[in-house]
Full PDB file with SEQRES, HELIX, SHEET, SSBOND, CRYST1, ORIGX, SCALE, CONECT and MASTER records, all heavy atoms in Angstrom:
SEQRES   1 A   43  GLY THR GLY ASN ILE THR LYS LEU ALA LEU GLY ALA VAL          
SEQRES   2 A   43  GLY VAL VAL PHE GLY ASP ILE GLY THR SER PRO LEU TYR          
SEQRES   3 A   43  ALA PHE ARG GLU THR PHE VAL GLY PRO HIS PRO LEU ALA          
SEQRES   4 A   43  ILE ASP GLU LEU                                              
HELIX    1 AA1 THR A    2  VAL A   15  1                                  14    
HELIX    2 AA2 GLY A   18  THR A   22  1                                   5    
HELIX    3 AA3 SER A   23  LEU A   25  5                                   3    
HELIX    4 AA4 ALA A   27  VAL A   33  1                                   7    
CRYST1    1.000    1.000    1.000  90.00  90.00  90.00 P 1           1          
ORIGX1      1.000000  0.000000  0.000000        0.00000                         
ORIGX2      0.000000  1.000000  0.000000        0.00000                         
ORIGX3      0.000000  0.000000  1.000000        0.00000                         
SCALE1      1.000000  0.000000  0.000000        0.00000                         
SCALE2      0.000000  1.000000  0.000000        0.00000                         
SCALE3      0.000000  0.000000  1.000000        0.00000                         
ATOM      1  N   GLY A   1      94.603 129.771  96.385  1.00  0.00           N  
ATOM      2  CA  GLY A   1      95.947 129.689  95.612  1.00  0.00           C  
ATOM      3  C   GLY A   1      96.544 128.192  95.915  1.00  0.00           C  
ATOM      4  O   GLY A   1      96.514 127.755  97.029  1.00  0.00           O  
ATOM      5  N   THR A   2      97.032 127.540  94.874  1.00  0.00           N  
ATOM      6  CA  THR A   2      97.638 126.217  94.991  1.00  0.00           C  
ATOM      7  C   THR A   2      98.747 126.331  95.943  1.00  0.00           C  
ATOM      8  O   THR A   2      98.982 125.376  96.822  1.00  0.00           O  
ATOM      9  CB  THR A   2      98.132 125.751  93.543  1.00  0.00           C  
ATOM     10  OG1 THR A   2      97.036 125.647  92.745  1.00  0.00           O  
ATOM     11  CG2 THR A   2      98.640 124.388  93.790  1.00  0.00           C  
ATOM     12  N   GLY A   3      99.602 127.408  95.904  1.00  0.00           N  
ATOM     13  CA  GLY A   3     100.787 127.515  96.926  1.00  0.00           C  
ATOM     14  C   GLY A   3     100.265 127.563  98.342  1.00  0.00           C  
ATOM     15  O   GLY A   3     100.844 127.005  99.077  1.00  0.00           O  
ATOM     16  N   ASN A   4      99.217 128.362  98.500  1.00  0.00           N  
ATOM     17  CA  ASN A   4      98.753 128.478  99.861  1.00  0.00           C  
ATOM     18  C   ASN A   4      98.130 127.249 100.398  1.00  0.00           C  
ATOM     19  O   ASN A   4      98.367 126.927 101.619  1.00  0.00           O  
ATOM     20  CB  ASN A   4      97.602 129.594  99.862  1.00  0.00           C  
ATOM     21  CG  ASN A   4      97.339 130.034 101.351  1.00  0.00           C  
ATOM     22  OD1 ASN A   4      98.228 130.081 102.190  1.00  0.00           O  
ATOM     23  ND2 ASN A   4      96.006 130.326 101.608  1.00  0.00           N  
ATOM     24  N   ILE A   5      97.400 126.479  99.589  1.00  0.00           N  
ATOM     25  CA  ILE A   5      96.867 125.211  99.991  1.00  0.00           C  
ATOM     26  C   ILE A   5      98.037 124.183 100.294  1.00  0.00           C  
ATOM     27  O   ILE A   5      97.993 123.501 101.267  1.00  0.00           O  
ATOM     28  CB  ILE A   5      95.953 124.648  98.908  1.00  0.00           C  
ATOM     29  CG1 ILE A   5      94.657 125.426  98.840  1.00  0.00           C  
ATOM     30  CG2 ILE A   5      95.702 123.112  99.135  1.00  0.00           C  
ATOM     31  CD1 ILE A   5      93.773 124.917  97.662  1.00  0.00           C  
ATOM     32  N   THR A   6      99.079 124.183  99.520  1.00  0.00           N  
ATOM     33  CA  THR A   6     100.247 123.286  99.767  1.00  0.00           C  
ATOM     34  C   THR A   6     100.890 123.720 100.982  1.00  0.00           C  
ATOM     35  O   THR A   6     101.319 122.775 101.789  1.00  0.00           O  
ATOM     36  CB  THR A   6     101.095 123.425  98.609  1.00  0.00           C  
ATOM     37  OG1 THR A   6     100.554 123.130  97.381  1.00  0.00           O  
ATOM     38  CG2 THR A   6     102.351 122.500  98.810  1.00  0.00           C  
ATOM     39  N   LYS A   7     101.085 124.985 101.263  1.00  0.00           N  
ATOM     40  CA  LYS A   7     101.682 125.487 102.543  1.00  0.00           C  
ATOM     41  C   LYS A   7     100.769 125.026 103.860  1.00  0.00           C  
ATOM     42  O   LYS A   7     101.422 124.490 104.749  1.00  0.00           O  
ATOM     43  CB  LYS A   7     101.898 126.942 102.456  1.00  0.00           C  
ATOM     44  CG  LYS A   7     102.523 127.495 103.757  1.00  0.00           C  
ATOM     45  CD  LYS A   7     102.711 129.003 103.627  1.00  0.00           C  
ATOM     46  CE  LYS A   7     103.368 129.649 104.967  1.00  0.00           C  
ATOM     47  NZ  LYS A   7     103.544 131.034 104.733  1.00  0.00           N  
ATOM     48  N   LEU A   8      99.535 125.132 103.631  1.00  0.00           N  
ATOM     49  CA  LEU A   8      98.713 124.760 104.803  1.00  0.00           C  
ATOM     50  C   LEU A   8      98.671 123.272 104.941  1.00  0.00           C  
ATOM     51  O   LEU A   8      98.563 122.743 106.042  1.00  0.00           O  
ATOM     52  CB  LEU A   8      97.254 125.295 104.548  1.00  0.00           C  
ATOM     53  CG  LEU A   8      97.013 126.804 104.783  1.00  0.00           C  
ATOM     54  CD1 LEU A   8      95.748 127.369 104.248  1.00  0.00           C  
ATOM     55  CD2 LEU A   8      97.148 127.049 106.284  1.00  0.00           C  
ATOM     56  N   ALA A   9      98.765 122.588 103.804  1.00  0.00           N  
ATOM     57  CA  ALA A   9      98.761 121.018 103.888  1.00  0.00           C  
ATOM     58  C   ALA A   9     100.059 120.639 104.584  1.00  0.00           C  
ATOM     59  O   ALA A   9     100.073 119.644 105.399  1.00  0.00           O  
ATOM     60  CB  ALA A   9      98.762 120.504 102.443  1.00  0.00           C  
ATOM     61  N   LEU A  10     101.235 121.227 104.309  1.00  0.00           N  
ATOM     62  CA  LEU A  10     102.464 120.966 104.954  1.00  0.00           C  
ATOM     63  C   LEU A  10     102.344 121.243 106.584  1.00  0.00           C  
ATOM     64  O   LEU A  10     102.806 120.508 107.358  1.00  0.00           O  
ATOM     65  CB  LEU A  10     103.654 121.567 104.415  1.00  0.00           C  
ATOM     66  CG  LEU A  10     104.098 121.023 103.040  1.00  0.00           C  
ATOM     67  CD1 LEU A  10     105.079 122.051 102.446  1.00  0.00           C  
ATOM     68  CD2 LEU A  10     104.649 119.636 103.156  1.00  0.00           C  
ATOM     69  N   GLY A  11     101.823 122.371 106.772  1.00  0.00           N  
ATOM     70  CA  GLY A  11     101.552 122.782 108.154  1.00  0.00           C  
ATOM     71  C   GLY A  11     100.682 121.744 108.908  1.00  0.00           C  
ATOM     72  O   GLY A  11     101.010 121.446 110.142  1.00  0.00           O  
ATOM     73  N   ALA A  12      99.704 121.282 108.240  1.00  0.00           N  
ATOM     74  CA  ALA A  12      98.773 120.249 108.893  1.00  0.00           C  
ATOM     75  C   ALA A  12      99.487 119.041 109.234  1.00  0.00           C  
ATOM     76  O   ALA A  12      99.213 118.340 110.224  1.00  0.00           O  
ATOM     77  CB  ALA A  12      97.588 119.968 107.989  1.00  0.00           C  
ATOM     78  N   VAL A  13     100.464 118.683 108.415  1.00  0.00           N  
ATOM     79  CA  VAL A  13     101.267 117.363 108.728  1.00  0.00           C  
ATOM     80  C   VAL A  13     101.898 117.618 110.024  1.00  0.00           C  
ATOM     81  O   VAL A  13     102.074 116.594 110.814  1.00  0.00           O  
ATOM     82  CB  VAL A  13     102.309 117.133 107.426  1.00  0.00           C  
ATOM     83  CG1 VAL A  13     103.260 116.085 107.919  1.00  0.00           C  
ATOM     84  CG2 VAL A  13     101.546 116.838 106.263  1.00  0.00           C  
ATOM     85  N   GLY A  14     102.418 118.776 110.316  1.00  0.00           N  
ATOM     86  CA  GLY A  14     103.024 119.031 111.606  1.00  0.00           C  
ATOM     87  C   GLY A  14     102.250 118.974 112.779  1.00  0.00           C  
ATOM     88  O   GLY A  14     102.766 118.824 113.996  1.00  0.00           O  
ATOM     89  N   VAL A  15     100.910 119.283 112.631  1.00  0.00           N  
ATOM     90  CA  VAL A  15     100.057 119.549 113.881  1.00  0.00           C  
ATOM     91  C   VAL A  15      99.006 118.423 113.991  1.00  0.00           C  
ATOM     92  O   VAL A  15      98.753 117.789 115.035  1.00  0.00           O  
ATOM     93  CB  VAL A  15      99.362 120.912 113.828  1.00  0.00           C  
ATOM     94  CG1 VAL A  15      98.311 121.050 114.861  1.00  0.00           C  
ATOM     95  CG2 VAL A  15     100.448 121.905 113.874  1.00  0.00           C  
ATOM     96  N   VAL A  16      98.301 118.157 112.795  1.00  0.00           N  
ATOM     97  CA  VAL A  16      97.164 117.312 112.849  1.00  0.00           C  
ATOM     98  C   VAL A  16      97.324 115.797 113.069  1.00  0.00           C  
ATOM     99  O   VAL A  16      96.631 115.057 113.643  1.00  0.00           O  
ATOM    100  CB  VAL A  16      96.201 117.626 111.735  1.00  0.00           C  
ATOM    101  CG1 VAL A  16      94.952 116.867 111.672  1.00  0.00           C  
ATOM    102  CG2 VAL A  16      95.859 119.137 111.576  1.00  0.00           C  
ATOM    103  N   PHE A  17      98.401 115.281 112.252  1.00  0.00           N  
ATOM    104  CA  PHE A  17      98.545 113.927 112.038  1.00  0.00           C  
ATOM    105  C   PHE A  17      99.446 113.220 112.939  1.00  0.00           C  
ATOM    106  O   PHE A  17      99.953 112.002 112.798  1.00  0.00           O  
ATOM    107  CB  PHE A  17      98.894 113.707 110.522  1.00  0.00           C  
ATOM    108  CG  PHE A  17      97.921 114.264 109.501  1.00  0.00           C  
ATOM    109  CD1 PHE A  17      98.182 115.359 108.978  1.00  0.00           C  
ATOM    110  CD2 PHE A  17      96.847 113.462 109.238  1.00  0.00           C  
ATOM    111  CE1 PHE A  17      97.308 115.847 107.970  1.00  0.00           C  
ATOM    112  CE2 PHE A  17      95.918 113.821 108.384  1.00  0.00           C  
ATOM    113  CZ  PHE A  17      96.171 115.160 107.727  1.00  0.00           C  
ATOM    114  N   GLY A  18      99.904 113.879 114.168  1.00  0.00           N  
ATOM    115  CA  GLY A  18     100.918 113.273 114.990  1.00  0.00           C  
ATOM    116  C   GLY A  18     100.324 112.150 115.705  1.00  0.00           C  
ATOM    117  O   GLY A  18     101.021 111.080 115.770  1.00  0.00           O  
ATOM    118  N   ASP A  19      99.079 112.060 116.152  1.00  0.00           N  
ATOM    119  CA  ASP A  19      98.509 110.949 116.836  1.00  0.00           C  
ATOM    120  C   ASP A  19      98.347 109.718 115.931  1.00  0.00           C  
ATOM    121  O   ASP A  19      98.929 108.699 116.271  1.00  0.00           O  
ATOM    122  CB  ASP A  19      97.117 111.416 117.348  1.00  0.00           C  
ATOM    123  CG  ASP A  19      96.527 110.345 118.427  1.00  0.00           C  
ATOM    124  OD1 ASP A  19      97.270 109.399 118.659  1.00  0.00           O  
ATOM    125  OD2 ASP A  19      95.454 110.605 118.928  1.00  0.00           O  
ATOM    126  N   ILE A  20      97.681 109.965 114.756  1.00  0.00           N  
ATOM    127  CA  ILE A  20      97.557 108.738 113.902  1.00  0.00           C  
ATOM    128  C   ILE A  20      98.989 108.340 113.309  1.00  0.00           C  
ATOM    129  O   ILE A  20      99.159 107.134 112.996  1.00  0.00           O  
ATOM    130  CB  ILE A  20      96.644 109.071 112.756  1.00  0.00           C  
ATOM    131  CG1 ILE A  20      96.174 107.759 112.200  1.00  0.00           C  
ATOM    132  CG2 ILE A  20      97.062 110.062 111.763  1.00  0.00           C  
ATOM    133  CD1 ILE A  20      94.966 107.911 111.134  1.00  0.00           C  
ATOM    134  N   GLY A  21      99.835 109.291 113.195  1.00  0.00           N  
ATOM    135  CA  GLY A  21     101.150 109.112 112.577  1.00  0.00           C  
ATOM    136  C   GLY A  21     102.095 108.294 113.511  1.00  0.00           C  
ATOM    137  O   GLY A  21     103.028 107.520 113.004  1.00  0.00           O  
ATOM    138  N   THR A  22     101.897 108.280 114.879  1.00  0.00           N  
ATOM    139  CA  THR A  22     102.785 107.564 115.668  1.00  0.00           C  
ATOM    140  C   THR A  22     102.203 106.110 115.951  1.00  0.00           C  
ATOM    141  O   THR A  22     102.811 105.371 116.718  1.00  0.00           O  
ATOM    142  CB  THR A  22     102.986 108.259 117.035  1.00  0.00           C  
ATOM    143  OG1 THR A  22     101.628 108.617 117.619  1.00  0.00           O  
ATOM    144  CG2 THR A  22     103.771 109.507 116.737  1.00  0.00           C  
ATOM    145  N   SER A  23     101.000 105.763 115.551  1.00  0.00           N  
ATOM    146  CA  SER A  23     100.333 104.506 115.700  1.00  0.00           C  
ATOM    147  C   SER A  23     101.242 103.347 115.220  1.00  0.00           C  
ATOM    148  O   SER A  23     101.069 102.285 115.831  1.00  0.00           O  
ATOM    149  CB  SER A  23      98.994 104.509 115.073  1.00  0.00           C  
ATOM    150  OG  SER A  23      98.094 105.385 115.730  1.00  0.00           O  
ATOM    151  N   PRO A  24     101.975 103.496 114.168  1.00  0.00           N  
ATOM    152  CA  PRO A  24     102.743 102.290 113.679  1.00  0.00           C  
ATOM    153  C   PRO A  24     103.788 101.878 114.775  1.00  0.00           C  
ATOM    154  O   PRO A  24     104.248 100.795 114.655  1.00  0.00           O  
ATOM    155  CB  PRO A  24     103.499 102.889 112.450  1.00  0.00           C  
ATOM    156  CG  PRO A  24     102.528 103.887 111.830  1.00  0.00           C  
ATOM    157  CD  PRO A  24     101.960 104.610 113.167  1.00  0.00           C  
ATOM    158  N   LEU A  25     104.069 102.627 115.729  1.00  0.00           N  
ATOM    159  CA  LEU A  25     104.890 102.264 116.750  1.00  0.00           C  
ATOM    160  C   LEU A  25     104.441 101.069 117.634  1.00  0.00           C  
ATOM    161  O   LEU A  25     105.189 100.297 118.170  1.00  0.00           O  
ATOM    162  CB  LEU A  25     105.425 103.452 117.621  1.00  0.00           C  
ATOM    163  CG  LEU A  25     106.495 104.391 117.392  1.00  0.00           C  
ATOM    164  CD1 LEU A  25     106.137 105.168 116.043  1.00  0.00           C  
ATOM    165  CD2 LEU A  25     106.833 105.252 118.447  1.00  0.00           C  
ATOM    166  N   TYR A  26     103.077 101.073 117.673  1.00  0.00           N  
ATOM    167  CA  TYR A  26     102.608 100.032 118.627  1.00  0.00           C  
ATOM    168  C   TYR A  26     101.290  99.258 118.149  1.00  0.00           C  
ATOM    169  O   TYR A  26     101.001  98.080 118.547  1.00  0.00           O  
ATOM    170  CB  TYR A  26     102.284 100.652 119.965  1.00  0.00           C  
ATOM    171  CG  TYR A  26     101.353 101.819 119.849  1.00  0.00           C  
ATOM    172  CD1 TYR A  26     100.047 101.907 119.605  1.00  0.00           C  
ATOM    173  CD2 TYR A  26     102.141 103.122 119.964  1.00  0.00           C  
ATOM    174  CE1 TYR A  26      99.314 103.057 119.442  1.00  0.00           C  
ATOM    175  CE2 TYR A  26     101.405 104.300 119.820  1.00  0.00           C  
ATOM    176  CZ  TYR A  26      99.878 104.256 119.658  1.00  0.00           C  
ATOM    177  OH  TYR A  26      99.317 105.434 119.533  1.00  0.00           O  
ATOM    178  N   ALA A  27     100.612  99.705 117.093  1.00  0.00           N  
ATOM    179  CA  ALA A  27      99.320  99.244 116.520  1.00  0.00           C  
ATOM    180  C   ALA A  27      99.497  97.809 116.062  1.00  0.00           C  
ATOM    181  O   ALA A  27      98.785  96.835 116.510  1.00  0.00           O  
ATOM    182  CB  ALA A  27      98.660 100.102 115.587  1.00  0.00           C  
ATOM    183  N   PHE A  28     100.458  97.539 115.116  1.00  0.00           N  
ATOM    184  CA  PHE A  28     100.656  96.169 114.472  1.00  0.00           C  
ATOM    185  C   PHE A  28     101.152  95.254 115.509  1.00  0.00           C  
ATOM    186  O   PHE A  28     100.651  94.137 115.676  1.00  0.00           O  
ATOM    187  CB  PHE A  28     101.573  96.343 113.318  1.00  0.00           C  
ATOM    188  CG  PHE A  28     101.782  95.013 112.638  1.00  0.00           C  
ATOM    189  CD1 PHE A  28     100.853  94.661 111.708  1.00  0.00           C  
ATOM    190  CD2 PHE A  28     102.937  94.351 112.819  1.00  0.00           C  
ATOM    191  CE1 PHE A  28     100.914  93.518 111.037  1.00  0.00           C  
ATOM    192  CE2 PHE A  28     103.110  93.120 111.998  1.00  0.00           C  
ATOM    193  CZ  PHE A  28     102.056  92.706 111.057  1.00  0.00           C  
ATOM    194  N   ARG A  29     101.902  95.729 116.384  1.00  0.00           N  
ATOM    195  CA  ARG A  29     102.677  94.886 117.441  1.00  0.00           C  
ATOM    196  C   ARG A  29     101.556  94.375 118.366  1.00  0.00           C  
ATOM    197  O   ARG A  29     101.472  93.239 118.802  1.00  0.00           O  
ATOM    198  CB  ARG A  29     103.673  95.659 118.248  1.00  0.00           C  
ATOM    199  CG  ARG A  29     104.288  94.920 119.439  1.00  0.00           C  
ATOM    200  CD  ARG A  29     105.062  95.795 120.270  1.00  0.00           C  
ATOM    201  NE  ARG A  29     104.186  96.724 121.098  1.00  0.00           N  
ATOM    202  CZ  ARG A  29     104.556  97.879 121.614  1.00  0.00           C  
ATOM    203  NH1 ARG A  29     105.806  98.177 121.508  1.00  0.00           N  
ATOM    204  NH2 ARG A  29     103.687  98.543 122.332  1.00  0.00           N  
ATOM    205  N   GLU A  30     100.628  95.319 118.721  1.00  0.00           N  
ATOM    206  CA  GLU A  30      99.651  94.960 119.888  1.00  0.00           C  
ATOM    207  C   GLU A  30      98.654  93.899 119.361  1.00  0.00           C  
ATOM    208  O   GLU A  30      98.088  93.245 120.279  1.00  0.00           O  
ATOM    209  CB  GLU A  30      98.954  96.215 120.319  1.00  0.00           C  
ATOM    210  CG  GLU A  30      99.776  97.137 121.274  1.00  0.00           C  
ATOM    211  CD  GLU A  30     100.270  96.447 122.449  1.00  0.00           C  
ATOM    212  OE1 GLU A  30      99.556  95.731 123.147  1.00  0.00           O  
ATOM    213  OE2 GLU A  30     101.564  96.457 122.578  1.00  0.00           O  
ATOM    214  N   THR A  31      98.379  93.809 118.162  1.00  0.00           N  
ATOM    215  CA  THR A  31      97.424  92.745 117.716  1.00  0.00           C  
ATOM    216  C   THR A  31      98.068  91.409 117.891  1.00  0.00           C  
ATOM    217  O   THR A  31      97.268  90.314 117.918  1.00  0.00           O  
ATOM    218  CB  THR A  31      97.160  92.973 116.207  1.00  0.00           C  
ATOM    219  OG1 THR A  31      98.266  92.995 115.436  1.00  0.00           O  
ATOM    220  CG2 THR A  31      96.317  94.245 116.066  1.00  0.00           C  
ATOM    221  N   PHE A  32      99.319  91.189 117.903  1.00  0.00           N  
ATOM    222  CA  PHE A  32     100.014  89.945 118.179  1.00  0.00           C  
ATOM    223  C   PHE A  32     100.508  89.646 119.524  1.00  0.00           C  
ATOM    224  O   PHE A  32     100.492  88.448 119.846  1.00  0.00           O  
ATOM    225  CB  PHE A  32     101.162  89.766 117.156  1.00  0.00           C  
ATOM    226  CG  PHE A  32     100.624  89.648 115.730  1.00  0.00           C  
ATOM    227  CD1 PHE A  32     100.436  90.837 114.946  1.00  0.00           C  
ATOM    228  CD2 PHE A  32     100.464  88.407 115.063  1.00  0.00           C  
ATOM    229  CE1 PHE A  32      99.996  90.648 113.611  1.00  0.00           C  
ATOM    230  CE2 PHE A  32      99.875  88.359 113.805  1.00  0.00           C  
ATOM    231  CZ  PHE A  32      99.714  89.444 113.114  1.00  0.00           C  
ATOM    232  N   VAL A  33     100.891  90.701 120.356  1.00  0.00           N  
ATOM    233  CA  VAL A  33     101.564  90.436 121.556  1.00  0.00           C  
ATOM    234  C   VAL A  33     100.641  91.189 122.719  1.00  0.00           C  
ATOM    235  O   VAL A  33     101.185  91.191 123.924  1.00  0.00           O  
ATOM    236  CB  VAL A  33     102.932  90.966 121.647  1.00  0.00           C  
ATOM    237  CG1 VAL A  33     103.761  90.202 120.710  1.00  0.00           C  
ATOM    238  CG2 VAL A  33     103.085  92.401 121.465  1.00  0.00           C  
ATOM    239  N   GLY A  34      99.524  91.600 122.365  1.00  0.00           N  
ATOM    240  CA  GLY A  34      98.648  92.235 123.391  1.00  0.00           C  
ATOM    241  C   GLY A  34      97.902  91.282 124.249  1.00  0.00           C  
ATOM    242  O   GLY A  34      98.351  90.174 124.467  1.00  0.00           O  
ATOM    243  N   PRO A  35      96.791  91.694 124.956  1.00  0.00           N  
ATOM    244  CA  PRO A  35      95.998  90.861 125.808  1.00  0.00           C  
ATOM    245  C   PRO A  35      95.511  89.704 125.109  1.00  0.00           C  
ATOM    246  O   PRO A  35      95.281  88.572 125.896  1.00  0.00           O  
ATOM    247  CB  PRO A  35      94.866  91.721 126.259  1.00  0.00           C  
ATOM    248  CG  PRO A  35      95.310  93.128 125.931  1.00  0.00           C  
ATOM    249  CD  PRO A  35      96.211  93.086 124.734  1.00  0.00           C  
ATOM    250  N   HIS A  36      95.359  89.539 123.896  1.00  0.00           N  
ATOM    251  CA  HIS A  36      94.825  88.413 123.160  1.00  0.00           C  
ATOM    252  C   HIS A  36      95.707  88.103 121.943  1.00  0.00           C  
ATOM    253  O   HIS A  36      95.501  88.470 120.908  1.00  0.00           O  
ATOM    254  CB  HIS A  36      93.419  88.708 122.664  1.00  0.00           C  
ATOM    255  CG  HIS A  36      92.496  89.185 123.715  1.00  0.00           C  
ATOM    256  ND1 HIS A  36      92.009  88.342 124.855  1.00  0.00           N  
ATOM    257  CD2 HIS A  36      91.934  90.496 123.894  1.00  0.00           C  
ATOM    258  CE1 HIS A  36      91.275  89.073 125.554  1.00  0.00           C  
ATOM    259  NE2 HIS A  36      91.109  90.334 124.993  1.00  0.00           N  
ATOM    260  N   PRO A  37      96.939  87.444 122.256  1.00  0.00           N  
ATOM    261  CA  PRO A  37      97.932  87.306 121.213  1.00  0.00           C  
ATOM    262  C   PRO A  37      97.450  86.357 120.050  1.00  0.00           C  
ATOM    263  O   PRO A  37      96.681  85.548 120.260  1.00  0.00           O  
ATOM    264  CB  PRO A  37      99.147  86.715 122.084  1.00  0.00           C  
ATOM    265  CG  PRO A  37      98.475  86.121 123.327  1.00  0.00           C  
ATOM    266  CD  PRO A  37      97.337  86.868 123.546  1.00  0.00           C  
ATOM    267  N   LEU A  38      97.903  86.678 118.954  1.00  0.00           N  
ATOM    268  CA  LEU A  38      97.652  85.859 117.692  1.00  0.00           C  
ATOM    269  C   LEU A  38      98.931  85.061 117.299  1.00  0.00           C  
ATOM    270  O   LEU A  38      99.974  85.392 117.632  1.00  0.00           O  
ATOM    271  CB  LEU A  38      97.227  86.784 116.492  1.00  0.00           C  
ATOM    272  CG  LEU A  38      96.091  87.591 116.645  1.00  0.00           C  
ATOM    273  CD1 LEU A  38      95.829  88.583 115.509  1.00  0.00           C  
ATOM    274  CD2 LEU A  38      94.717  86.851 116.983  1.00  0.00           C  
ATOM    275  N   ALA A  39      98.631  83.979 116.678  1.00  0.00           N  
ATOM    276  CA  ALA A  39      99.781  83.178 116.108  1.00  0.00           C  
ATOM    277  C   ALA A  39     100.427  84.030 115.008  1.00  0.00           C  
ATOM    278  O   ALA A  39      99.725  84.669 114.204  1.00  0.00           O  
ATOM    279  CB  ALA A  39      99.293  81.921 115.532  1.00  0.00           C  
ATOM    280  N   ILE A  40     101.700  84.027 114.965  1.00  0.00           N  
ATOM    281  CA  ILE A  40     102.452  84.875 114.021  1.00  0.00           C  
ATOM    282  C   ILE A  40     102.647  83.885 112.725  1.00  0.00           C  
ATOM    283  O   ILE A  40     103.705  83.290 112.539  1.00  0.00           O  
ATOM    284  CB  ILE A  40     103.849  85.248 114.510  1.00  0.00           C  
ATOM    285  CG1 ILE A  40     103.586  86.021 115.819  1.00  0.00           C  
ATOM    286  CG2 ILE A  40     104.575  86.095 113.485  1.00  0.00           C  
ATOM    287  CD1 ILE A  40     104.910  86.486 116.503  1.00  0.00           C  
ATOM    288  N   ASP A  41     101.701  83.859 111.927  1.00  0.00           N  
ATOM    289  CA  ASP A  41     101.719  83.122 110.627  1.00  0.00           C  
ATOM    290  C   ASP A  41     101.092  83.918 109.546  1.00  0.00           C  
ATOM    291  O   ASP A  41     100.617  85.041 109.659  1.00  0.00           O  
ATOM    292  CB  ASP A  41     101.034  81.736 110.790  1.00  0.00           C  
ATOM    293  CG  ASP A  41      99.524  81.956 111.304  1.00  0.00           C  
ATOM    294  OD1 ASP A  41      98.949  82.984 111.018  1.00  0.00           O  
ATOM    295  OD2 ASP A  41      98.974  80.999 111.951  1.00  0.00           O  
ATOM    296  N   GLU A  42     101.100  83.394 108.288  1.00  0.00           N  
ATOM    297  CA  GLU A  42     100.536  84.142 107.132  1.00  0.00           C  
ATOM    298  C   GLU A  42      99.101  84.509 107.252  1.00  0.00           C  
ATOM    299  O   GLU A  42      98.807  85.714 106.947  1.00  0.00           O  
ATOM    300  CB  GLU A  42     100.789  83.333 105.863  1.00  0.00           C  
ATOM    301  CG  GLU A  42     100.570  84.037 104.595  1.00  0.00           C  
ATOM    302  CD  GLU A  42     100.913  83.288 103.344  1.00  0.00           C  
ATOM    303  OE1 GLU A  42     102.028  82.709 103.372  1.00  0.00           O  
ATOM    304  OE2 GLU A  42      99.978  83.124 102.490  1.00  0.00           O  
ATOM    305  N   LEU A  43      98.394  83.634 107.773  1.00  0.00           N  
ATOM    306  CA  LEU A  43      96.929  83.869 107.784  1.00  0.00           C  
ATOM    307  C   LEU A  43      96.712  85.159 108.641  1.00  0.00           C  
ATOM    308  O   LEU A  43      95.822  86.001 108.391  1.00  0.00           O  
ATOM    309  CB  LEU A  43      96.164  82.688 108.414  1.00  0.00           C  
ATOM    310  CG  LEU A  43      94.737  82.992 108.809  1.00  0.00           C  
ATOM    311  CD1 LEU A  43      93.913  83.061 107.570  1.00  0.00           C  
ATOM    312  CD2 LEU A  43      94.160  81.756 109.801  1.00  0.00           C  
TER     313      LEU A  43                                                      
MASTER        0    0    0    4    0    0    0    6  312    1    0    4          
END                                                                             
């Protein structure tokens, strides 16, 4: 059923995607200020 799939899909958002979902807190930042910093320019 479409309703059941939607319900399970919402449930999955709460359980499955937490790790990848919290990556924006540090992933983009670390490429520029991590162990090998990059110049902050358009390129």
